Amino acid sequence: MKYKNIVFDMGNVLVKYDSDAAARQFTDDEKIIREVRLIIFNSIEWEMLDGGLITEEKALQRMLDRFETDEAREVGRKSFETWNKVCMQPNNEMGEVVRALKDKGHNVYILSNASARLPKMYKEVIPNADLFDGVFYSAPEKLLKPQREIYVRFFEKFNLDPSTCLFIDDLEDNITASKAAGMYGYCYADGDINKLKKFLELN
């Protein structure tokens, strides 16, 4: 396999991600769970947090102002405060892919949109986290995929030639952008680990 450096996204690649798990800790009311998903996790503030453009305190206050009831607002607050403890579960099969790549002499990196909370605790949820040669999260850089600039900054930070890199992400827009920046991409939207292993020549 011609790519020396394999670059992984985090959500729905290295970890299994379910935003509804946050609200389900506190309610079984599907209406409230949906409201939390839309107001918290699908919000512009969530994107701004990933881009390092807003504080958690300010983001949370804006989000809470949009809830219809006090009950939903309280579930929303608790969900926001605890989401990183319950929404992400290690994808252990992908952890074994990472180990196999390292055993074959590849370098492995993380390039992911993530808020300032993630760099402090990613090793708790990413399998074989200590094997990575570099970790790059969006919030500290104040950049976001699929901006071209985030890929350029990633290459600069780790002194990488993009033509030697393969990017694995679950979103086609991010893969398209990585290719435009000179890094070939593999879209893992189907979650087919065996297909990915075959592509990586790990079978």
N, C-alpha and C. Protein backbone atom coordinates (compact mmCIF):
# COMPACT_ATOMS: atom_id res chain seq x y z
N MET A 1 0.86 -1.18 0.00
CA MET A 1 0.00 0.00 0.00
C MET A 1 0.90 1.24 0.00
N LYS A 2 0.66 2.13 -0.97
CA LYS A 2 1.65 3.17 -1.27
C LYS A 2 1.67 4.34 -0.30
N TYR A 3 0.67 4.45 0.55
CA TYR A 3 0.60 5.61 1.45
C TYR A 3 1.33 5.32 2.77
N LYS A 4 2.31 6.14 3.05
CA LYS A 4 3.10 5.97 4.27
C LYS A 4 2.33 6.42 5.51
N ASN A 5 1.53 7.48 5.37
CA ASN A 5 0.87 8.11 6.50
C ASN A 5 -0.65 7.95 6.38
N ILE A 6 -1.24 7.30 7.38
CA ILE A 6 -2.69 7.07 7.38
C ILE A 6 -3.32 7.99 8.42
N VAL A 7 -4.28 8.79 7.97
CA VAL A 7 -4.87 9.85 8.79
C VAL A 7 -6.33 9.49 9.06
N PHE A 8 -6.71 9.47 10.32
CA PHE A 8 -8.05 9.05 10.72
C PHE A 8 -8.87 10.21 11.26
N ASP A 9 -10.12 10.28 10.83
CA ASP A 9 -11.13 11.07 11.52
C ASP A 9 -11.47 10.33 12.82
N MET A 10 -12.18 11.01 13.71
CA MET A 10 -12.52 10.40 14.99
C MET A 10 -13.95 9.86 15.00
N GLY A 11 -14.96 10.74 14.94
CA GLY A 11 -16.35 10.33 15.07
C GLY A 11 -16.82 9.42 13.96
N ASN A 12 -17.36 8.27 14.34
CA ASN A 12 -17.86 7.25 13.42
C ASN A 12 -16.76 6.64 12.55
N VAL A 13 -15.51 6.81 13.01
CA VAL A 13 -14.38 6.11 12.41
C VAL A 13 -13.62 5.42 13.55
N LEU A 14 -12.89 6.19 14.34
CA LEU A 14 -12.18 5.63 15.48
C LEU A 14 -13.09 5.34 16.66
N VAL A 15 -14.17 6.11 16.75
CA VAL A 15 -15.15 5.88 17.81
C VAL A 15 -16.54 5.80 17.22
N LYS A 16 -17.41 5.08 17.88
CA LYS A 16 -18.82 5.04 17.53
C LYS A 16 -19.50 6.20 18.26
N TYR A 17 -20.27 6.98 17.52
CA TYR A 17 -20.82 8.22 18.08
C TYR A 17 -22.33 8.22 17.99
N ASP A 18 -22.99 8.48 19.12
CA ASP A 18 -24.44 8.55 19.18
C ASP A 18 -24.82 9.73 20.07
N SER A 19 -25.20 10.84 19.46
CA SER A 19 -25.50 12.04 20.24
C SER A 19 -26.72 11.85 21.14
N ASP A 20 -27.67 11.01 20.73
CA ASP A 20 -28.88 10.81 21.54
C ASP A 20 -28.59 10.14 22.87
N ALA A 21 -27.44 9.48 23.00
CA ALA A 21 -27.11 8.81 24.25
C ALA A 21 -27.02 9.79 25.41
N ALA A 22 -26.68 11.04 25.11
CA ALA A 22 -26.58 12.04 26.18
C ALA A 22 -27.93 12.28 26.83
N ALA A 23 -28.95 12.55 26.01
CA ALA A 23 -30.28 12.83 26.54
C ALA A 23 -30.93 11.59 27.14
N ARG A 24 -30.64 10.42 26.58
CA ARG A 24 -31.28 9.18 27.07
C ARG A 24 -30.85 8.84 28.49
N GLN A 25 -29.79 9.46 28.99
CA GLN A 25 -29.43 9.27 30.40
C GLN A 25 -30.50 9.84 31.32
N PHE A 26 -31.23 10.84 30.83
CA PHE A 26 -32.09 11.63 31.71
C PHE A 26 -33.57 11.58 31.36
N THR A 27 -33.92 11.01 30.20
CA THR A 27 -35.33 10.95 29.82
C THR A 27 -35.54 9.86 28.78
N ASP A 28 -36.77 9.33 28.72
CA ASP A 28 -37.14 8.43 27.63
C ASP A 28 -38.20 9.08 26.75
N ASP A 29 -38.41 10.38 26.93
CA ASP A 29 -39.35 11.14 26.12
C ASP A 29 -38.70 11.45 24.77
N GLU A 30 -39.21 10.81 23.71
CA GLU A 30 -38.59 10.95 22.40
C GLU A 30 -38.65 12.38 21.87
N LYS A 31 -39.68 13.11 22.25
CA LYS A 31 -39.77 14.51 21.81
C LYS A 31 -38.63 15.34 22.40
N ILE A 32 -38.36 15.13 23.68
CA ILE A 32 -37.27 15.86 24.32
C ILE A 32 -35.92 15.42 23.76
N ILE A 33 -35.76 14.13 23.53
CA ILE A 33 -34.50 13.62 22.96
C ILE A 33 -34.24 14.25 21.60
N ARG A 34 -35.29 14.35 20.79
CA ARG A 34 -35.15 14.98 19.47
C ARG A 34 -34.82 16.46 19.62
N GLU A 35 -35.47 17.12 20.58
CA GLU A 35 -35.24 18.54 20.80
C GLU A 35 -33.78 18.79 21.22
N VAL A 36 -33.27 17.95 22.10
CA VAL A 36 -31.87 18.07 22.52
C VAL A 36 -30.93 17.87 21.33
N ARG A 37 -31.22 16.87 20.51
CA ARG A 37 -30.38 16.62 19.34
C ARG A 37 -30.31 17.85 18.43
N LEU A 38 -31.48 18.44 18.16
CA LEU A 38 -31.53 19.56 17.23
C LEU A 38 -30.93 20.83 17.83
N ILE A 39 -31.23 21.09 19.10
CA ILE A 39 -30.82 22.36 19.71
C ILE A 39 -29.37 22.33 20.18
N ILE A 40 -28.91 21.18 20.64
CA ILE A 40 -27.54 21.07 21.13
C ILE A 40 -26.59 20.59 20.04
N PHE A 41 -26.82 19.39 19.56
CA PHE A 41 -25.82 18.72 18.73
C PHE A 41 -25.86 19.09 17.25
N ASN A 42 -26.98 19.61 16.80
CA ASN A 42 -27.07 20.04 15.39
C ASN A 42 -27.09 21.56 15.26
N SER A 43 -26.56 22.24 16.25
CA SER A 43 -26.66 23.70 16.29
C SER A 43 -25.44 24.38 15.68
N ILE A 44 -25.61 25.65 15.36
CA ILE A 44 -24.48 26.46 14.89
C ILE A 44 -23.47 26.62 16.02
N GLU A 45 -23.95 26.65 17.26
CA GLU A 45 -23.02 26.77 18.38
C GLU A 45 -22.11 25.56 18.50
N TRP A 46 -22.66 24.37 18.22
CA TRP A 46 -21.85 23.15 18.25
C TRP A 46 -20.72 23.24 17.23
N GLU A 47 -21.05 23.73 16.04
CA GLU A 47 -20.04 23.90 15.01
C GLU A 47 -19.01 24.95 15.43
N MET A 48 -19.48 26.01 16.07
CA MET A 48 -18.56 27.04 16.55
C MET A 48 -17.63 26.51 17.64
N LEU A 49 -18.14 25.62 18.49
CA LEU A 49 -17.29 24.99 19.49
C LEU A 49 -16.19 24.16 18.82
N ASP A 50 -16.54 23.42 17.79
CA ASP A 50 -15.54 22.64 17.06
C ASP A 50 -14.50 23.55 16.41
N GLY A 51 -14.94 24.76 16.03
CA GLY A 51 -14.02 25.70 15.42
C GLY A 51 -13.28 26.58 16.40
N GLY A 52 -13.52 26.37 17.69
CA GLY A 52 -12.85 27.17 18.70
C GLY A 52 -13.25 28.63 18.69
N LEU A 53 -14.49 28.90 18.29
CA LEU A 53 -14.94 30.28 18.07
C LEU A 53 -15.87 30.80 19.16
N ILE A 54 -16.16 29.96 20.16
CA ILE A 54 -17.09 30.37 21.21
C ILE A 54 -16.75 29.57 22.48
N THR A 55 -17.00 30.14 23.64
CA THR A 55 -16.77 29.40 24.88
C THR A 55 -17.93 28.45 25.13
N GLU A 56 -17.68 27.42 25.92
CA GLU A 56 -18.75 26.49 26.27
C GLU A 56 -19.87 27.21 27.01
N GLU A 57 -19.51 28.15 27.89
CA GLU A 57 -20.51 28.86 28.68
C GLU A 57 -21.46 29.66 27.78
N LYS A 58 -20.89 30.37 26.83
CA LYS A 58 -21.73 31.18 25.95
C LYS A 58 -22.56 30.30 25.02
N ALA A 59 -21.96 29.24 24.52
CA ALA A 59 -22.69 28.32 23.64
C ALA A 59 -23.87 27.70 24.37
N LEU A 60 -23.64 27.24 25.59
CA LEU A 60 -24.71 26.59 26.34
C LEU A 60 -25.85 27.56 26.62
N GLN A 61 -25.55 28.79 26.98
CA GLN A 61 -26.61 29.75 27.26
C GLN A 61 -27.46 30.01 26.03
N ARG A 62 -26.84 30.15 24.88
CA ARG A 62 -27.60 30.37 23.64
C ARG A 62 -28.50 29.17 23.34
N MET A 63 -27.94 27.98 23.51
CA MET A 63 -28.73 26.76 23.25
C MET A 63 -29.93 26.67 24.19
N LEU A 64 -29.69 26.89 25.47
CA LEU A 64 -30.75 26.72 26.46
C LEU A 64 -31.90 27.69 26.23
N ASP A 65 -31.61 28.85 25.71
CA ASP A 65 -32.65 29.85 25.44
C ASP A 65 -33.66 29.37 24.41
N ARG A 66 -33.31 28.36 23.62
CA ARG A 66 -34.19 27.91 22.54
C ARG A 66 -35.12 26.76 22.94
N PHE A 67 -34.95 26.21 24.13
CA PHE A 67 -35.82 25.11 24.55
C PHE A 67 -37.22 25.62 24.91
N GLU A 68 -38.21 24.78 24.66
CA GLU A 68 -39.61 25.19 24.85
C GLU A 68 -40.05 25.10 26.30
N THR A 69 -39.51 24.13 27.06
CA THR A 69 -39.97 23.91 28.44
C THR A 69 -38.79 23.82 29.38
N ASP A 70 -39.06 24.03 30.66
CA ASP A 70 -38.02 23.91 31.67
C ASP A 70 -37.49 22.49 31.76
N GLU A 71 -38.39 21.51 31.58
CA GLU A 71 -37.97 20.11 31.65
C GLU A 71 -36.97 19.80 30.54
N ALA A 72 -37.31 20.19 29.32
CA ALA A 72 -36.40 19.94 28.20
C ALA A 72 -35.10 20.72 28.36
N ARG A 73 -35.21 21.93 28.88
CA ARG A 73 -34.02 22.77 29.09
C ARG A 73 -33.05 22.11 30.07
N GLU A 74 -33.59 21.51 31.12
CA GLU A 74 -32.74 20.85 32.11
C GLU A 74 -32.08 19.60 31.52
N VAL A 75 -32.83 18.84 30.73
CA VAL A 75 -32.24 17.68 30.05
C VAL A 75 -31.15 18.15 29.09
N GLY A 76 -31.41 19.25 28.39
CA GLY A 76 -30.41 19.79 27.49
C GLY A 76 -29.14 20.20 28.22
N ARG A 77 -29.29 20.85 29.36
CA ARG A 77 -28.12 21.29 30.13
C ARG A 77 -27.30 20.09 30.60
N LYS A 78 -27.97 19.09 31.16
CA LYS A 78 -27.26 17.91 31.65
C LYS A 78 -26.61 17.15 30.49
N SER A 79 -27.28 17.10 29.36
CA SER A 79 -26.73 16.41 28.19
C SER A 79 -25.46 17.08 27.71
N PHE A 80 -25.47 18.39 27.66
CA PHE A 80 -24.29 19.14 27.22
C PHE A 80 -23.13 18.93 28.18
N GLU A 81 -23.42 18.91 29.46
CA GLU A 81 -22.37 18.80 30.46
C GLU A 81 -21.70 17.43 30.47
N THR A 82 -22.41 16.39 29.99
CA THR A 82 -21.90 15.03 30.14
C THR A 82 -21.71 14.28 28.82
N TRP A 83 -21.97 14.92 27.69
CA TRP A 83 -22.01 14.20 26.41
C TRP A 83 -20.72 13.42 26.12
N ASN A 84 -19.57 13.99 26.46
CA ASN A 84 -18.31 13.34 26.12
C ASN A 84 -18.08 12.05 26.91
N LYS A 85 -18.87 11.83 27.98
CA LYS A 85 -18.72 10.61 28.78
C LYS A 85 -19.57 9.46 28.26
N VAL A 86 -20.58 9.77 27.41
CA VAL A 86 -21.52 8.71 27.01
C VAL A 86 -21.73 8.59 25.50
N CYS A 87 -21.47 9.64 24.74
CA CYS A 87 -21.82 9.62 23.31
C CYS A 87 -20.81 8.87 22.46
N MET A 88 -19.59 8.71 22.97
CA MET A 88 -18.53 8.07 22.19
C MET A 88 -18.15 6.74 22.82
N GLN A 89 -18.10 5.72 22.00
CA GLN A 89 -17.65 4.40 22.43
C GLN A 89 -16.50 3.95 21.51
N PRO A 90 -15.46 3.33 22.06
CA PRO A 90 -14.33 2.91 21.22
C PRO A 90 -14.77 1.96 20.12
N ASN A 91 -14.24 2.16 18.93
CA ASN A 91 -14.42 1.22 17.83
C ASN A 91 -13.20 0.30 17.86
N ASN A 92 -13.31 -0.79 18.59
CA ASN A 92 -12.14 -1.64 18.84
C ASN A 92 -11.63 -2.31 17.56
N GLU A 93 -12.52 -2.57 16.61
CA GLU A 93 -12.07 -3.12 15.33
C GLU A 93 -11.16 -2.15 14.62
N MET A 94 -11.49 -0.85 14.69
CA MET A 94 -10.64 0.14 14.07
C MET A 94 -9.32 0.29 14.84
N GLY A 95 -9.39 0.08 16.15
CA GLY A 95 -8.16 0.08 16.94
C GLY A 95 -7.19 -0.99 16.48
N GLU A 96 -7.72 -2.14 16.09
CA GLU A 96 -6.87 -3.21 15.57
C GLU A 96 -6.30 -2.86 14.20
N VAL A 97 -7.07 -2.12 13.40
CA VAL A 97 -6.57 -1.62 12.12
C VAL A 97 -5.37 -0.70 12.35
N VAL A 98 -5.51 0.20 13.32
CA VAL A 98 -4.42 1.10 13.66
C VAL A 98 -3.17 0.32 14.05
N ARG A 99 -3.34 -0.68 14.90
CA ARG A 99 -2.18 -1.49 15.33
C ARG A 99 -1.55 -2.22 14.14
N ALA A 100 -2.38 -2.78 13.27
CA ALA A 100 -1.86 -3.51 12.11
C ALA A 100 -1.08 -2.58 11.18
N LEU A 101 -1.57 -1.36 11.01
CA LEU A 101 -0.85 -0.39 10.17
C LEU A 101 0.51 -0.04 10.77
N LYS A 102 0.53 0.16 12.09
CA LYS A 102 1.80 0.45 12.75
C LYS A 102 2.77 -0.73 12.60
N ASP A 103 2.24 -1.94 12.73
CA ASP A 103 3.09 -3.13 12.62
C ASP A 103 3.69 -3.24 11.22
N LYS A 104 3.01 -2.69 10.22
CA LYS A 104 3.50 -2.74 8.84
C LYS A 104 4.38 -1.54 8.51
N GLY A 105 4.63 -0.67 9.50
CA GLY A 105 5.56 0.43 9.28
C GLY A 105 4.95 1.75 8.88
N HIS A 106 3.62 1.84 8.92
CA HIS A 106 2.97 3.12 8.60
C HIS A 106 2.96 4.05 9.82
N ASN A 107 2.88 5.34 9.54
CA ASN A 107 2.59 6.32 10.57
C ASN A 107 1.08 6.54 10.61
N VAL A 108 0.54 6.82 11.79
CA VAL A 108 -0.90 7.04 11.91
C VAL A 108 -1.15 8.36 12.65
N TYR A 109 -2.16 9.08 12.17
CA TYR A 109 -2.49 10.39 12.71
C TYR A 109 -4.00 10.52 12.90
N ILE A 110 -4.40 11.46 13.75
CA ILE A 110 -5.80 11.84 13.90
C ILE A 110 -5.96 13.26 13.39
N LEU A 111 -6.98 13.47 12.55
CA LEU A 111 -7.37 14.81 12.07
C LEU A 111 -8.88 14.88 12.18
N SER A 112 -9.38 15.64 13.16
CA SER A 112 -10.81 15.59 13.45
C SER A 112 -11.34 16.95 13.88
N ASN A 113 -12.57 17.25 13.47
CA ASN A 113 -13.29 18.37 14.08
C ASN A 113 -13.63 17.96 15.50
N ALA A 114 -13.29 18.79 16.46
CA ALA A 114 -13.56 18.47 17.86
C ALA A 114 -13.41 19.73 18.70
N SER A 115 -14.27 19.86 19.69
CA SER A 115 -14.23 21.02 20.58
C SER A 115 -13.07 20.92 21.56
N ALA A 116 -12.89 21.97 22.34
CA ALA A 116 -11.75 22.04 23.26
C ALA A 116 -11.79 20.96 24.34
N ARG A 117 -12.94 20.32 24.53
CA ARG A 117 -13.07 19.27 25.55
C ARG A 117 -12.31 18.00 25.15
N LEU A 118 -12.23 17.74 23.85
CA LEU A 118 -11.70 16.46 23.37
C LEU A 118 -10.21 16.26 23.59
N PRO A 119 -9.36 17.27 23.33
CA PRO A 119 -7.93 17.02 23.53
C PRO A 119 -7.56 16.59 24.94
N LYS A 120 -8.42 16.90 25.91
CA LYS A 120 -8.13 16.57 27.30
C LYS A 120 -8.49 15.13 27.65
N MET A 121 -9.32 14.47 26.81
CA MET A 121 -9.81 13.15 27.23
C MET A 121 -9.89 12.12 26.10
N TYR A 122 -9.33 12.43 24.92
CA TYR A 122 -9.53 11.52 23.79
C TYR A 122 -8.96 10.12 24.04
N LYS A 123 -7.93 10.02 24.88
CA LYS A 123 -7.34 8.70 25.12
C LYS A 123 -8.29 7.77 25.87
N GLU A 124 -9.32 8.34 26.48
CA GLU A 124 -10.30 7.52 27.19
C GLU A 124 -11.22 6.76 26.25
N VAL A 125 -11.35 7.24 25.01
CA VAL A 125 -12.32 6.64 24.10
C VAL A 125 -11.72 6.13 22.79
N ILE A 126 -10.53 6.57 22.44
CA ILE A 126 -9.92 6.11 21.18
C ILE A 126 -9.09 4.86 21.46
N PRO A 127 -9.38 3.76 20.79
CA PRO A 127 -8.61 2.54 21.02
C PRO A 127 -7.17 2.68 20.51
N ASN A 128 -6.23 2.16 21.28
CA ASN A 128 -4.81 2.23 20.94
C ASN A 128 -4.34 3.67 20.70
N ALA A 129 -4.84 4.57 21.52
CA ALA A 129 -4.55 6.00 21.33
C ALA A 129 -3.06 6.30 21.39
N ASP A 130 -2.31 5.54 22.17
CA ASP A 130 -0.89 5.82 22.32
C ASP A 130 -0.07 5.46 21.08
N LEU A 131 -0.68 4.79 20.12
CA LEU A 131 0.05 4.42 18.91
C LEU A 131 0.13 5.55 17.89
N PHE A 132 -0.66 6.59 18.07
CA PHE A 132 -0.70 7.65 17.06
C PHE A 132 0.55 8.52 17.09
N ASP A 133 1.02 8.86 15.90
CA ASP A 133 2.21 9.69 15.76
C ASP A 133 1.89 11.18 15.90
N GLY A 134 0.64 11.54 15.74
CA GLY A 134 0.24 12.93 15.90
C GLY A 134 -1.27 13.04 15.98
N VAL A 135 -1.73 14.03 16.73
CA VAL A 135 -3.17 14.28 16.93
C VAL A 135 -3.45 15.74 16.64
N PHE A 136 -4.43 15.98 15.78
CA PHE A 136 -4.76 17.34 15.34
C PHE A 136 -6.26 17.55 15.47
N TYR A 137 -6.65 18.42 16.42
CA TYR A 137 -8.06 18.74 16.61
C TYR A 137 -8.34 20.17 16.16
N SER A 138 -9.55 20.37 15.69
CA SER A 138 -9.89 21.64 15.03
C SER A 138 -9.94 22.84 15.98
N ALA A 139 -10.55 22.68 17.15
CA ALA A 139 -10.78 23.84 18.02
C ALA A 139 -9.51 24.60 18.38
N PRO A 140 -8.43 23.93 18.80
CA PRO A 140 -7.22 24.68 19.13
C PRO A 140 -6.64 25.46 17.95
N GLU A 141 -6.92 24.99 16.73
CA GLU A 141 -6.40 25.64 15.53
C GLU A 141 -7.35 26.70 14.97
N LYS A 142 -8.59 26.72 15.53
CA LYS A 142 -9.63 27.63 15.02
C LYS A 142 -9.87 27.44 13.52
N LEU A 143 -9.96 26.16 13.15
CA LEU A 143 -10.24 25.75 11.78
C LEU A 143 -11.24 24.60 11.82
N LEU A 144 -11.87 24.32 10.65
CA LEU A 144 -12.85 23.24 10.57
C LEU A 144 -12.73 22.51 9.25
N LYS A 145 -12.84 21.20 9.28
CA LYS A 145 -13.09 20.48 8.02
C LYS A 145 -14.49 20.86 7.55
N PRO A 146 -14.71 21.05 6.26
CA PRO A 146 -13.80 20.79 5.15
C PRO A 146 -13.04 22.01 4.63
N GLN A 147 -12.70 22.98 5.47
CA GLN A 147 -11.88 24.10 5.01
C GLN A 147 -10.54 23.59 4.50
N ARG A 148 -10.10 24.13 3.40
CA ARG A 148 -8.79 23.74 2.86
C ARG A 148 -7.68 24.02 3.88
N GLU A 149 -7.83 25.12 4.61
CA GLU A 149 -6.78 25.56 5.52
C GLU A 149 -6.45 24.54 6.61
N ILE A 150 -7.45 23.77 7.03
CA ILE A 150 -7.18 22.81 8.10
C ILE A 150 -6.26 21.69 7.63
N TYR A 151 -6.41 21.29 6.38
CA TYR A 151 -5.54 20.26 5.83
C TYR A 151 -4.12 20.80 5.67
N VAL A 152 -4.01 22.01 5.14
CA VAL A 152 -2.69 22.63 4.95
C VAL A 152 -1.97 22.77 6.29
N ARG A 153 -2.71 23.23 7.29
CA ARG A 153 -2.10 23.39 8.62
C ARG A 153 -1.69 22.04 9.20
N PHE A 154 -2.48 21.02 8.98
CA PHE A 154 -2.13 19.66 9.43
C PHE A 154 -0.82 19.21 8.80
N PHE A 155 -0.68 19.38 7.49
CA PHE A 155 0.56 18.97 6.81
C PHE A 155 1.76 19.74 7.36
N GLU A 156 1.56 21.03 7.59
CA GLU A 156 2.65 21.86 8.11
C GLU A 156 3.06 21.44 9.52
N LYS A 157 2.07 21.18 10.36
CA LYS A 157 2.35 20.85 11.76
C LYS A 157 3.18 19.59 11.89
N PHE A 158 2.91 18.59 11.05
CA PHE A 158 3.62 17.32 11.17
C PHE A 158 4.63 17.10 10.04
N ASN A 159 4.88 18.17 9.26
CA ASN A 159 5.88 18.13 8.19
C ASN A 159 5.64 16.96 7.24
N LEU A 160 4.40 16.89 6.71
CA LEU A 160 3.98 15.79 5.86
C LEU A 160 3.79 16.25 4.42
N ASP A 161 4.21 15.42 3.51
CA ASP A 161 3.89 15.60 2.09
C ASP A 161 2.51 15.01 1.87
N PRO A 162 1.51 15.82 1.45
CA PRO A 162 0.15 15.29 1.30
C PRO A 162 0.05 14.09 0.38
N SER A 163 0.94 14.00 -0.60
CA SER A 163 0.87 12.88 -1.54
C SER A 163 1.22 11.55 -0.88
N THR A 164 1.81 11.60 0.31
CA THR A 164 2.14 10.37 1.04
C THR A 164 1.08 9.98 2.05
N CYS A 165 -0.04 10.74 2.07
CA CYS A 165 -1.06 10.56 3.11
C CYS A 165 -2.37 10.02 2.53
N LEU A 166 -3.04 9.21 3.33
CA LEU A 166 -4.39 8.74 3.03
C LEU A 166 -5.29 9.14 4.19
N PHE A 167 -6.42 9.78 3.88
CA PHE A 167 -7.34 10.26 4.90
C PHE A 167 -8.59 9.39 4.92
N ILE A 168 -8.96 8.91 6.11
CA ILE A 168 -10.16 8.09 6.28
C ILE A 168 -11.17 8.88 7.10
N ASP A 169 -12.31 9.20 6.49
CA ASP A 169 -13.35 10.02 7.11
C ASP A 169 -14.70 9.46 6.68
N ASP A 170 -15.73 9.70 7.49
CA ASP A 170 -17.06 9.17 7.15
C ASP A 170 -17.90 10.15 6.34
N LEU A 171 -17.40 11.35 6.08
CA LEU A 171 -18.16 12.36 5.34
C LEU A 171 -17.51 12.66 3.99
N GLU A 172 -18.30 12.54 2.94
CA GLU A 172 -17.77 12.72 1.59
C GLU A 172 -17.23 14.12 1.36
N ASP A 173 -17.87 15.14 1.95
CA ASP A 173 -17.38 16.51 1.78
C ASP A 173 -15.95 16.67 2.31
N ASN A 174 -15.66 16.01 3.41
CA ASN A 174 -14.31 16.10 3.98
C ASN A 174 -13.29 15.37 3.12
N ILE A 175 -13.70 14.29 2.50
CA ILE A 175 -12.82 13.56 1.59
C ILE A 175 -12.56 14.38 0.34
N THR A 176 -13.59 14.99 -0.21
CA THR A 176 -13.43 15.84 -1.39
C THR A 176 -12.44 16.96 -1.12
N ALA A 177 -12.57 17.57 0.07
CA ALA A 177 -11.68 18.67 0.44
C ALA A 177 -10.25 18.17 0.63
N SER A 178 -10.09 17.00 1.22
CA SER A 178 -8.74 16.48 1.43
C SER A 178 -8.05 16.21 0.09
N LYS A 179 -8.81 15.70 -0.88
CA LYS A 179 -8.24 15.44 -2.21
C LYS A 179 -7.83 16.74 -2.87
N ALA A 180 -8.64 17.78 -2.70
CA ALA A 180 -8.31 19.09 -3.27
C ALA A 180 -7.04 19.67 -2.66
N ALA A 181 -6.76 19.27 -1.42
CA ALA A 181 -5.55 19.73 -0.73
C ALA A 181 -4.36 18.82 -1.01
N GLY A 182 -4.55 17.78 -1.81
CA GLY A 182 -3.45 16.92 -2.21
C GLY A 182 -3.34 15.60 -1.48
N MET A 183 -4.28 15.31 -0.57
CA MET A 183 -4.25 14.07 0.21
C MET A 183 -5.37 13.15 -0.24
N TYR A 184 -5.03 11.96 -0.68
CA TYR A 184 -6.07 11.04 -1.13
C TYR A 184 -6.97 10.65 0.04
N GLY A 185 -8.23 10.34 -0.27
CA GLY A 185 -9.16 10.04 0.80
C GLY A 185 -9.96 8.78 0.56
N TYR A 186 -10.40 8.18 1.66
CA TYR A 186 -11.27 7.00 1.64
C TYR A 186 -12.49 7.32 2.48
N CYS A 187 -13.68 7.27 1.88
CA CYS A 187 -14.90 7.58 2.60
C CYS A 187 -15.42 6.32 3.30
N TYR A 188 -15.50 6.40 4.61
CA TYR A 188 -15.89 5.26 5.44
C TYR A 188 -17.36 5.38 5.87
N ALA A 189 -18.18 5.98 5.03
CA ALA A 189 -19.59 6.19 5.37
C ALA A 189 -20.34 4.88 5.56
N ASP A 190 -19.93 3.82 4.86
CA ASP A 190 -20.65 2.55 4.97
C ASP A 190 -20.26 1.75 6.22
N GLY A 191 -19.20 2.14 6.91
CA GLY A 191 -18.78 1.43 8.11
C GLY A 191 -18.32 0.01 7.88
N ASP A 192 -17.97 -0.32 6.64
CA ASP A 192 -17.57 -1.69 6.30
C ASP A 192 -16.08 -1.88 6.59
N ILE A 193 -15.78 -2.45 7.75
CA ILE A 193 -14.39 -2.59 8.18
C ILE A 193 -13.61 -3.55 7.30
N ASN A 194 -14.26 -4.59 6.80
CA ASN A 194 -13.55 -5.56 5.96
C ASN A 194 -13.18 -4.96 4.61
N LYS A 195 -14.06 -4.14 4.08
CA LYS A 195 -13.76 -3.44 2.82
C LYS A 195 -12.58 -2.49 3.02
N LEU A 196 -12.56 -1.80 4.15
CA LEU A 196 -11.45 -0.89 4.44
C LEU A 196 -10.14 -1.67 4.59
N LYS A 197 -10.18 -2.79 5.31
CA LYS A 197 -8.97 -3.60 5.47
C LYS A 197 -8.42 -4.05 4.13
N LYS A 198 -9.31 -4.43 3.23
CA LYS A 198 -8.88 -4.85 1.90
C LYS A 198 -8.20 -3.69 1.18
N PHE A 199 -8.79 -2.50 1.27
CA PHE A 199 -8.20 -1.33 0.64
C PHE A 199 -6.81 -1.04 1.22
N LEU A 200 -6.68 -1.21 2.53
CA LEU A 200 -5.42 -0.94 3.20
C LEU A 200 -4.42 -2.10 3.09
N GLU A 201 -4.83 -3.17 2.40
CA GLU A 201 -4.00 -4.35 2.20
C GLU A 201 -3.60 -5.00 3.54
N LEU A 202 -4.59 -5.11 4.40
CA LEU A 202 -4.38 -5.71 5.73
C LEU A 202 -4.95 -7.12 5.82
N ASN A 203 -5.66 -7.58 4.79
CA ASN A 203 -6.24 -8.93 4.83
C ASN A 203 -5.18 -9.99 4.60
